[in-house]
C-alpha cells in the first residue's frame, strides 16, 4: 500500500508514462506529450 502510493507519485510526473499511445515507435527519449491530459 505504501509502495503503491509512492510509485504512483513518481510515475505520474512523466508524460511518457501517463499519455495514451499515439505513436508506437515513440520511446522514453521522444518528446511525448498529450493535451488534454487526464
ModelCIF file with pLDDT and N, C-alpha, C, O atoms, coordinates in Angstrom:
data_MODEL
#
_entry.id   MODEL 
#
_entity.id                         1 
_entity.type                       polymer 
_entity.pdbx_number_of_molecules   1 
#
_entity_poly.entity_id                      1 
_entity_poly.type                           'polypeptide(L)' 
_entity_poly.nstd_linkage                   no 
_entity_poly.nstd_monomer                   no 
_entity_poly.pdbx_seq_one_letter_code       
;(UNK)(UNK)(UNK)(UNK)(UNK)(UNK)(UNK)(UNK)(UNK)(UNK)(UNK)(UNK)(UNK)(UNK)(UNK)(UNK)
(UNK)(UNK)(UNK)(UNK)(UNK)(UNK)(UNK)(UNK)(UNK)(UNK)(UNK)(UNK)(UNK)(UNK)(UNK)(UNK)
(UNK)(UNK)(UNK)(UNK)(UNK)(UNK)
;
_entity_poly.pdbx_seq_one_letter_code_can   XXXXXXXXXXXXXXXXXXXXXXXXXXXXXXXXXXXXXX 
_entity_poly.pdbx_strand_id                 A 
#
loop_
_entity_poly_seq.entity_id 
_entity_poly_seq.num 
_entity_poly_seq.mon_id 
_entity_poly_seq.hetero 
1 1  UNK n 
1 2  UNK n 
1 3  UNK n 
1 4  UNK n 
1 5  UNK n 
1 6  UNK n 
1 7  UNK n 
1 8  UNK n 
1 9  UNK n 
1 10 UNK n 
1 11 UNK n 
1 12 UNK n 
1 13 UNK n 
1 14 UNK n 
1 15 UNK n 
1 16 UNK n 
1 17 UNK n 
1 18 UNK n 
1 19 UNK n 
1 20 UNK n 
1 21 UNK n 
1 22 UNK n 
1 23 UNK n 
1 24 UNK n 
1 25 UNK n 
1 26 UNK n 
1 27 UNK n 
1 28 UNK n 
1 29 UNK n 
1 30 UNK n 
1 31 UNK n 
1 32 UNK n 
1 33 UNK n 
1 34 UNK n 
1 35 UNK n 
1 36 UNK n 
1 37 UNK n 
1 38 UNK n 
#
_struct_asym.id          A 
_struct_asym.entity_id   1 
#
loop_
_ma_qa_metric.id 
_ma_qa_metric.mode 
_ma_qa_metric.name 
_ma_qa_metric.software_group_id 
_ma_qa_metric.type 
1 global pLDDT . pLDDT 
2 local  pLDDT . pLDDT 
#
_ma_qa_metric_global.metric_id      1 
_ma_qa_metric_global.metric_value   91.97 
_ma_qa_metric_global.model_id       1 
_ma_qa_metric_global.ordinal_id     1 
#
loop_
_ma_qa_metric_local.label_asym_id 
_ma_qa_metric_local.label_comp_id 
_ma_qa_metric_local.label_seq_id 
_ma_qa_metric_local.metric_id 
_ma_qa_metric_local.metric_value 
_ma_qa_metric_local.model_id 
_ma_qa_metric_local.ordinal_id 
A UNK 1  2 97.00 1 1  
A UNK 2  2 96.00 1 2  
A UNK 3  2 97.00 1 3  
A UNK 4  2 96.00 1 4  
A UNK 5  2 96.00 1 5  
A UNK 6  2 97.00 1 6  
A UNK 7  2 97.00 1 7  
A UNK 8  2 97.00 1 8  
A UNK 9  2 96.00 1 9  
A UNK 10 2 96.00 1 10 
A UNK 11 2 96.00 1 11 
A UNK 12 2 95.00 1 12 
A UNK 13 2 94.00 1 13 
A UNK 14 2 94.00 1 14 
A UNK 15 2 94.00 1 15 
A UNK 16 2 95.00 1 16 
A UNK 17 2 95.00 1 17 
A UNK 18 2 95.00 1 18 
A UNK 19 2 93.00 1 19 
A UNK 20 2 92.00 1 20 
A UNK 21 2 92.00 1 21 
A UNK 22 2 88.00 1 22 
A UNK 23 2 89.00 1 23 
A UNK 24 2 90.00 1 24 
A UNK 25 2 90.00 1 25 
A UNK 26 2 92.00 1 26 
A UNK 27 2 92.00 1 27 
A UNK 28 2 92.00 1 28 
A UNK 29 2 92.00 1 29 
A UNK 30 2 90.00 1 30 
A UNK 31 2 89.00 1 31 
A UNK 32 2 91.00 1 32 
A UNK 33 2 89.00 1 33 
A UNK 34 2 87.00 1 34 
A UNK 35 2 79.00 1 35 
A UNK 36 2 75.00 1 36 
A UNK 37 2 81.00 1 37 
A UNK 38 2 89.00 1 38 
#
loop_
_atom_site.group_PDB 
_atom_site.id 
_atom_site.type_symbol 
_atom_site.label_atom_id 
_atom_site.label_alt_id 
_atom_site.label_comp_id 
_atom_site.label_asym_id 
_atom_site.label_entity_id 
_atom_site.label_seq_id 
_atom_site.pdbx_PDB_ins_code 
_atom_site.Cartn_x 
_atom_site.Cartn_y 
_atom_site.Cartn_z 
_atom_site.occupancy 
_atom_site.B_iso_or_equiv 
_atom_site.pdbx_formal_charge 
_atom_site.auth_seq_id 
_atom_site.auth_comp_id 
_atom_site.auth_asym_id 
_atom_site.auth_atom_id 
_atom_site.pdbx_PDB_model_num 
ATOM 1   N N  . UNK A 1 1  ? 0.832  -1.209 0.000   1.00 97.00 ? 1  UNK A N  1 
ATOM 2   C CA . UNK A 1 1  ? 0.000  0.000  0.000   1.00 97.00 ? 1  UNK A CA 1 
ATOM 3   C C  . UNK A 1 1  ? 0.868  1.261  0.000   1.00 97.00 ? 1  UNK A C  1 
ATOM 4   O O  . UNK A 1 1  ? 0.600  2.209  -0.739  1.00 97.00 ? 1  UNK A O  1 
ATOM 5   N N  . UNK A 1 2  ? 1.899  1.261  0.829   1.00 96.00 ? 2  UNK A N  1 
ATOM 6   C CA . UNK A 1 2  ? 2.811  2.407  0.867   1.00 96.00 ? 2  UNK A CA 1 
ATOM 7   C C  . UNK A 1 2  ? 3.564  2.534  -0.456  1.00 96.00 ? 2  UNK A C  1 
ATOM 8   O O  . UNK A 1 2  ? 3.708  3.630  -0.998  1.00 96.00 ? 2  UNK A O  1 
ATOM 9   N N  . UNK A 1 3  ? 4.036  1.413  -0.959  1.00 97.00 ? 3  UNK A N  1 
ATOM 10  C CA . UNK A 1 3  ? 4.781  1.406  -2.224  1.00 97.00 ? 3  UNK A CA 1 
ATOM 11  C C  . UNK A 1 3  ? 3.905  1.892  -3.382  1.00 97.00 ? 3  UNK A C  1 
ATOM 12  O O  . UNK A 1 3  ? 4.374  2.622  -4.256  1.00 97.00 ? 3  UNK A O  1 
ATOM 13  N N  . UNK A 1 4  ? 2.634  1.484  -3.386  1.00 96.00 ? 4  UNK A N  1 
ATOM 14  C CA . UNK A 1 4  ? 1.729  1.909  -4.455  1.00 96.00 ? 4  UNK A CA 1 
ATOM 15  C C  . UNK A 1 4  ? 1.549  3.409  -4.491  1.00 96.00 ? 4  UNK A C  1 
ATOM 16  O O  . UNK A 1 4  ? 1.539  4.007  -5.566  1.00 96.00 ? 4  UNK A O  1 
ATOM 17  N N  . UNK A 1 5  ? 1.406  4.032  -3.319  1.00 96.00 ? 5  UNK A N  1 
ATOM 18  C CA . UNK A 1 5  ? 1.256  5.494  -3.249  1.00 96.00 ? 5  UNK A CA 1 
ATOM 19  C C  . UNK A 1 5  ? 2.526  6.187  -3.737  1.00 96.00 ? 5  UNK A C  1 
ATOM 20  O O  . UNK A 1 5  ? 2.455  7.144  -4.508  1.00 96.00 ? 5  UNK A O  1 
ATOM 21  N N  . UNK A 1 6  ? 3.689  5.705  -3.289  1.00 97.00 ? 6  UNK A N  1 
ATOM 22  C CA . UNK A 1 6  ? 4.951  6.350  -3.652  1.00 97.00 ? 6  UNK A CA 1 
ATOM 23  C C  . UNK A 1 6  ? 5.273  6.159  -5.134  1.00 97.00 ? 6  UNK A C  1 
ATOM 24  O O  . UNK A 1 6  ? 5.705  7.101  -5.799  1.00 97.00 ? 6  UNK A O  1 
ATOM 25  N N  . UNK A 1 7  ? 5.068  4.950  -5.656  1.00 97.00 ? 7  UNK A N  1 
ATOM 26  C CA . UNK A 1 7  ? 5.377  4.694  -7.063  1.00 97.00 ? 7  UNK A CA 1 
ATOM 27  C C  . UNK A 1 7  ? 4.479  5.508  -7.980  1.00 97.00 ? 7  UNK A C  1 
ATOM 28  O O  . UNK A 1 7  ? 4.937  6.040  -8.992  1.00 97.00 ? 7  UNK A O  1 
ATOM 29  N N  . UNK A 1 8  ? 3.206  5.608  -7.632  1.00 97.00 ? 8  UNK A N  1 
ATOM 30  C CA . UNK A 1 8  ? 2.292  6.425  -8.433  1.00 97.00 ? 8  UNK A CA 1 
ATOM 31  C C  . UNK A 1 8  ? 2.724  7.885  -8.438  1.00 97.00 ? 8  UNK A C  1 
ATOM 32  O O  . UNK A 1 8  ? 2.627  8.561  -9.462  1.00 97.00 ? 8  UNK A O  1 
ATOM 33  N N  . UNK A 1 9  ? 3.200  8.369  -7.300  1.00 96.00 ? 9  UNK A N  1 
ATOM 34  C CA . UNK A 1 9  ? 3.678  9.755  -7.195  1.00 96.00 ? 9  UNK A CA 1 
ATOM 35  C C  . UNK A 1 9  ? 4.836  10.011 -8.147  1.00 96.00 ? 9  UNK A C  1 
ATOM 36  O O  . UNK A 1 9  ? 4.954  11.104 -8.700  1.00 96.00 ? 9  UNK A O  1 
ATOM 37  N N  . UNK A 1 10 ? 5.689  9.014  -8.342  1.00 96.00 ? 10 UNK A N  1 
ATOM 38  C CA . UNK A 1 10 ? 6.833  9.159  -9.241  1.00 96.00 ? 10 UNK A CA 1 
ATOM 39  C C  . UNK A 1 10 ? 6.393  9.043  -10.703 1.00 96.00 ? 10 UNK A C  1 
ATOM 40  O O  . UNK A 1 10 ? 6.751  9.888  -11.524 1.00 96.00 ? 10 UNK A O  1 
ATOM 41  N N  . UNK A 1 11 ? 5.631  8.020  -11.030 1.00 96.00 ? 11 UNK A N  1 
ATOM 42  C CA . UNK A 1 11 ? 5.265  7.759  -12.427 1.00 96.00 ? 11 UNK A CA 1 
ATOM 43  C C  . UNK A 1 11 ? 4.391  8.857  -13.015 1.00 96.00 ? 11 UNK A C  1 
ATOM 44  O O  . UNK A 1 11 ? 4.498  9.148  -14.207 1.00 96.00 ? 11 UNK A O  1 
ATOM 45  N N  . UNK A 1 12 ? 3.531  9.473  -12.213 1.00 95.00 ? 12 UNK A N  1 
ATOM 46  C CA . UNK A 1 12 ? 2.599  10.483 -12.733 1.00 95.00 ? 12 UNK A CA 1 
ATOM 47  C C  . UNK A 1 12 ? 3.305  11.746 -13.224 1.00 95.00 ? 12 UNK A C  1 
ATOM 48  O O  . UNK A 1 12 ? 2.678  12.592 -13.862 1.00 95.00 ? 12 UNK A O  1 
ATOM 49  N N  . UNK A 1 13 ? 4.580  11.884 -12.941 1.00 94.00 ? 13 UNK A N  1 
ATOM 50  C CA . UNK A 1 13 ? 5.332  13.076 -13.343 1.00 94.00 ? 13 UNK A CA 1 
ATOM 51  C C  . UNK A 1 13 ? 5.860  12.992 -14.781 1.00 94.00 ? 13 UNK A C  1 
ATOM 52  O O  . UNK A 1 13 ? 6.359  13.984 -15.310 1.00 94.00 ? 13 UNK A O  1 
ATOM 53  N N  . UNK A 1 14 ? 5.755  11.826 -15.412 1.00 94.00 ? 14 UNK A N  1 
ATOM 54  C CA . UNK A 1 14 ? 6.354  11.632 -16.735 1.00 94.00 ? 14 UNK A CA 1 
ATOM 55  C C  . UNK A 1 14 ? 5.260  11.415 -17.784 1.00 94.00 ? 14 UNK A C  1 
ATOM 56  O O  . UNK A 1 14 ? 4.451  10.496 -17.660 1.00 94.00 ? 14 UNK A O  1 
ATOM 57  N N  . UNK A 1 15 ? 5.239  12.258 -18.805 1.00 94.00 ? 15 UNK A N  1 
ATOM 58  C CA . UNK A 1 15 ? 4.263  12.113 -19.884 1.00 94.00 ? 15 UNK A CA 1 
ATOM 59  C C  . UNK A 1 15 ? 4.432  10.792 -20.627 1.00 94.00 ? 15 UNK A C  1 
ATOM 60  O O  . UNK A 1 15 ? 3.459  10.226 -21.125 1.00 94.00 ? 15 UNK A O  1 
ATOM 61  N N  . UNK A 1 16 ? 5.644  10.311 -20.699 1.00 95.00 ? 16 UNK A N  1 
ATOM 62  C CA . UNK A 1 16 ? 5.890  9.035  -21.382 1.00 95.00 ? 16 UNK A CA 1 
ATOM 63  C C  . UNK A 1 16 ? 5.124  7.898  -20.704 1.00 95.00 ? 16 UNK A C  1 
ATOM 64  O O  . UNK A 1 16 ? 4.759  6.916  -21.349 1.00 95.00 ? 16 UNK A O  1 
ATOM 65  N N  . UNK A 1 17 ? 4.886  8.037  -19.405 1.00 95.00 ? 17 UNK A N  1 
ATOM 66  C CA . UNK A 1 17 ? 4.168  7.016  -18.656 1.00 95.00 ? 17 UNK A CA 1 
ATOM 67  C C  . UNK A 1 17 ? 2.658  7.243  -18.679 1.00 95.00 ? 17 UNK A C  1 
ATOM 68  O O  . UNK A 1 17 ? 1.889  6.282  -18.702 1.00 95.00 ? 17 UNK A O  1 
ATOM 69  N N  . UNK A 1 18 ? 2.235  8.477  -18.673 1.00 95.00 ? 18 UNK A N  1 
ATOM 70  C CA . UNK A 1 18 ? 0.819  8.773  -18.478 1.00 95.00 ? 18 UNK A CA 1 
ATOM 71  C C  . UNK A 1 18 ? 0.026  8.972  -19.764 1.00 95.00 ? 18 UNK A C  1 
ATOM 72  O O  . UNK A 1 18 ? -1.194 8.802  -19.760 1.00 95.00 ? 18 UNK A O  1 
ATOM 73  N N  . UNK A 1 19 ? 0.683  9.327  -20.858 1.00 93.00 ? 19 UNK A N  1 
ATOM 74  C CA . UNK A 1 19 ? -0.040 9.624  -22.102 1.00 93.00 ? 19 UNK A CA 1 
ATOM 75  C C  . UNK A 1 19 ? -0.456 8.350  -22.829 1.00 93.00 ? 19 UNK A C  1 
ATOM 76  O O  . UNK A 1 19 ? 0.326  7.403  -22.910 1.00 93.00 ? 19 UNK A O  1 
ATOM 77  N N  . UNK A 1 20 ? -1.684 8.314  -23.360 1.00 92.00 ? 20 UNK A N  1 
ATOM 78  C CA . UNK A 1 20 ? -2.067 7.201  -24.231 1.00 92.00 ? 20 UNK A CA 1 
ATOM 79  C C  . UNK A 1 20 ? -1.176 7.156  -25.459 1.00 92.00 ? 20 UNK A C  1 
ATOM 80  O O  . UNK A 1 20 ? -0.662 8.181  -25.907 1.00 92.00 ? 20 UNK A O  1 
ATOM 81  N N  . UNK A 1 21 ? -0.999 5.961  -25.997 1.00 92.00 ? 21 UNK A N  1 
ATOM 82  C CA . UNK A 1 21 ? -0.080 5.774  -27.119 1.00 92.00 ? 21 UNK A CA 1 
ATOM 83  C C  . UNK A 1 21 ? -0.667 6.382  -28.386 1.00 92.00 ? 21 UNK A C  1 
ATOM 84  O O  . UNK A 1 21 ? -1.779 6.044  -28.792 1.00 92.00 ? 21 UNK A O  1 
ATOM 85  N N  . UNK A 1 22 ? 0.087  7.278  -29.002 1.00 88.00 ? 22 UNK A N  1 
ATOM 86  C CA . UNK A 1 22 ? -0.263 7.842  -30.301 1.00 88.00 ? 22 UNK A CA 1 
ATOM 87  C C  . UNK A 1 22 ? 0.686  7.348  -31.386 1.00 88.00 ? 22 UNK A C  1 
ATOM 88  O O  . UNK A 1 22 ? 0.286  7.157  -32.535 1.00 88.00 ? 22 UNK A O  1 
ATOM 89  N N  . UNK A 1 23 ? 1.939  7.144  -31.014 1.00 89.00 ? 23 UNK A N  1 
ATOM 90  C CA . UNK A 1 23 ? 2.967  6.677  -31.939 1.00 89.00 ? 23 UNK A CA 1 
ATOM 91  C C  . UNK A 1 23 ? 3.646  5.456  -31.319 1.00 89.00 ? 23 UNK A C  1 
ATOM 92  O O  . UNK A 1 23 ? 4.347  5.574  -30.314 1.00 89.00 ? 23 UNK A O  1 
ATOM 93  N N  . UNK A 1 24 ? 3.437  4.290  -31.919 1.00 90.00 ? 24 UNK A N  1 
ATOM 94  C CA . UNK A 1 24 ? 4.011  3.059  -31.362 1.00 90.00 ? 24 UNK A CA 1 
ATOM 95  C C  . UNK A 1 24 ? 5.531  3.086  -31.363 1.00 90.00 ? 24 UNK A C  1 
ATOM 96  O O  . UNK A 1 24 ? 6.158  2.386  -30.568 1.00 90.00 ? 24 UNK A O  1 
ATOM 97  N N  . UNK A 1 25 ? 6.128  3.871  -32.231 1.00 90.00 ? 25 UNK A N  1 
ATOM 98  C CA . UNK A 1 25 ? 7.579  3.927  -32.321 1.00 90.00 ? 25 UNK A CA 1 
ATOM 99  C C  . UNK A 1 25 ? 8.224  4.867  -31.323 1.00 90.00 ? 25 UNK A C  1 
ATOM 100 O O  . UNK A 1 25 ? 9.450  4.934  -31.243 1.00 90.00 ? 25 UNK A O  1 
ATOM 101 N N  . UNK A 1 26 ? 7.419  5.598  -30.558 1.00 92.00 ? 26 UNK A N  1 
ATOM 102 C CA . UNK A 1 26 ? 7.969  6.545  -29.583 1.00 92.00 ? 26 UNK A CA 1 
ATOM 103 C C  . UNK A 1 26 ? 8.674  5.813  -28.452 1.00 92.00 ? 26 UNK A C  1 
ATOM 104 O O  . UNK A 1 26 ? 8.296  4.698  -28.093 1.00 92.00 ? 26 UNK A O  1 
ATOM 105 N N  . UNK A 1 27 ? 9.702  6.446  -27.892 1.00 92.00 ? 27 UNK A N  1 
ATOM 106 C CA . UNK A 1 27 ? 10.471 5.860  -26.790 1.00 92.00 ? 27 UNK A CA 1 
ATOM 107 C C  . UNK A 1 27 ? 10.568 6.874  -25.658 1.00 92.00 ? 27 UNK A C  1 
ATOM 108 O O  . UNK A 1 27 ? 9.975  7.951  -25.720 1.00 92.00 ? 27 UNK A O  1 
ATOM 109 N N  . UNK A 1 28 ? 11.326 6.516  -24.622 1.00 92.00 ? 28 UNK A N  1 
ATOM 110 C CA . UNK A 1 28 ? 11.485 7.410  -23.474 1.00 92.00 ? 28 UNK A CA 1 
ATOM 111 C C  . UNK A 1 28 ? 12.222 8.688  -23.864 1.00 92.00 ? 28 UNK A C  1 
ATOM 112 O O  . UNK A 1 28 ? 12.134 9.693  -23.158 1.00 92.00 ? 28 UNK A O  1 
ATOM 113 N N  . UNK A 1 29 ? 12.938 8.660  -24.966 1.00 92.00 ? 29 UNK A N  1 
ATOM 114 C CA . UNK A 1 29 ? 13.703 9.824  -25.404 1.00 92.00 ? 29 UNK A CA 1 
ATOM 115 C C  . UNK A 1 29 ? 12.934 10.662 -26.419 1.00 92.00 ? 29 UNK A C  1 
ATOM 116 O O  . UNK A 1 29 ? 13.431 11.687 -26.884 1.00 92.00 ? 29 UNK A O  1 
ATOM 117 N N  . UNK A 1 30 ? 11.740 10.234 -26.760 1.00 90.00 ? 30 UNK A N  1 
ATOM 118 C CA . UNK A 1 30 ? 10.901 11.014 -27.671 1.00 90.00 ? 30 UNK A CA 1 
ATOM 119 C C  . UNK A 1 30 ? 10.193 12.117 -26.890 1.00 90.00 ? 30 UNK A C  1 
ATOM 120 O O  . UNK A 1 30 ? 10.052 12.046 -25.669 1.00 90.00 ? 30 UNK A O  1 
ATOM 121 N N  . UNK A 1 31 ? 9.761  13.119 -27.610 1.00 89.00 ? 31 UNK A N  1 
ATOM 122 C CA . UNK A 1 31 ? 9.066  14.236 -26.971 1.00 89.00 ? 31 UNK A CA 1 
ATOM 123 C C  . UNK A 1 31 ? 7.575  13.909 -26.862 1.00 89.00 ? 31 UNK A C  1 
ATOM 124 O O  . UNK A 1 31 ? 6.745  14.463 -27.582 1.00 89.00 ? 31 UNK A O  1 
ATOM 125 N N  . UNK A 1 32 ? 7.262  12.998 -25.944 1.00 91.00 ? 32 UNK A N  1 
ATOM 126 C CA . UNK A 1 32 ? 5.886  12.539 -25.777 1.00 91.00 ? 32 UNK A CA 1 
ATOM 127 C C  . UNK A 1 32 ? 5.114  13.536 -24.913 1.00 91.00 ? 32 UNK A C  1 
ATOM 128 O O  . UNK A 1 32 ? 5.575  13.926 -23.840 1.00 91.00 ? 32 UNK A O  1 
ATOM 129 N N  . UNK A 1 33 ? 3.952  13.938 -25.383 1.00 89.00 ? 33 UNK A N  1 
ATOM 130 C CA . UNK A 1 33 ? 3.078  14.816 -24.617 1.00 89.00 ? 33 UNK A CA 1 
ATOM 131 C C  . UNK A 1 33 ? 1.640  14.564 -25.047 1.00 89.00 ? 33 UNK A C  1 
ATOM 132 O O  . UNK A 1 33 ? 1.389  14.025 -26.125 1.00 89.00 ? 33 UNK A O  1 
ATOM 133 N N  . UNK A 1 34 ? 0.705  14.956 -24.202 1.00 87.00 ? 34 UNK A N  1 
ATOM 134 C CA . UNK A 1 34 ? -0.706 14.754 -24.530 1.00 87.00 ? 34 UNK A CA 1 
ATOM 135 C C  . UNK A 1 34 ? -1.533 15.887 -23.939 1.00 87.00 ? 34 UNK A C  1 
ATOM 136 O O  . UNK A 1 34 ? -1.382 16.237 -22.768 1.00 87.00 ? 34 UNK A O  1 
ATOM 137 N N  . UNK A 1 35 ? -2.399 16.449 -24.753 1.00 79.00 ? 35 UNK A N  1 
ATOM 138 C CA . UNK A 1 35 ? -3.308 17.505 -24.318 1.00 79.00 ? 35 UNK A CA 1 
ATOM 139 C C  . UNK A 1 35 ? -4.686 17.216 -24.909 1.00 79.00 ? 35 UNK A C  1 
ATOM 140 O O  . UNK A 1 35 ? -4.773 16.956 -26.109 1.00 79.00 ? 35 UNK A O  1 
ATOM 141 N N  . UNK A 1 36 ? -5.766 17.249 -24.128 1.00 75.00 ? 36 UNK A N  1 
ATOM 142 C CA . UNK A 1 36 ? -5.719 17.476 -22.675 1.00 75.00 ? 36 UNK A CA 1 
ATOM 143 C C  . UNK A 1 36 ? -5.288 16.218 -21.946 1.00 75.00 ? 36 UNK A C  1 
ATOM 144 O O  . UNK A 1 36 ? -5.545 15.103 -22.400 1.00 75.00 ? 36 UNK A O  1 
ATOM 145 N N  . UNK A 1 37 ? -4.646 16.403 -20.837 1.00 81.00 ? 37 UNK A N  1 
ATOM 146 C CA . UNK A 1 37 ? -4.195 15.284 -20.019 1.00 81.00 ? 37 UNK A CA 1 
ATOM 147 C C  . UNK A 1 37 ? -5.314 14.875 -19.070 1.00 81.00 ? 37 UNK A C  1 
ATOM 148 O O  . UNK A 1 37 ? -6.100 15.708 -18.618 1.00 81.00 ? 37 UNK A O  1 
ATOM 149 N N  . UNK A 1 38 ? -5.372 13.582 -18.778 1.00 89.00 ? 38 UNK A N  1 
ATOM 150 C CA . UNK A 1 38 ? -6.393 13.078 -17.874 1.00 89.00 ? 38 UNK A CA 1 
ATOM 151 C C  . UNK A 1 38 ? -6.302 13.816 -16.527 1.00 89.00 ? 38 UNK A C  1 
ATOM 152 O O  . UNK A 1 38 ? -7.083 13.538 -15.617 1.00 89.00 ? 38 UNK A O  1 
#
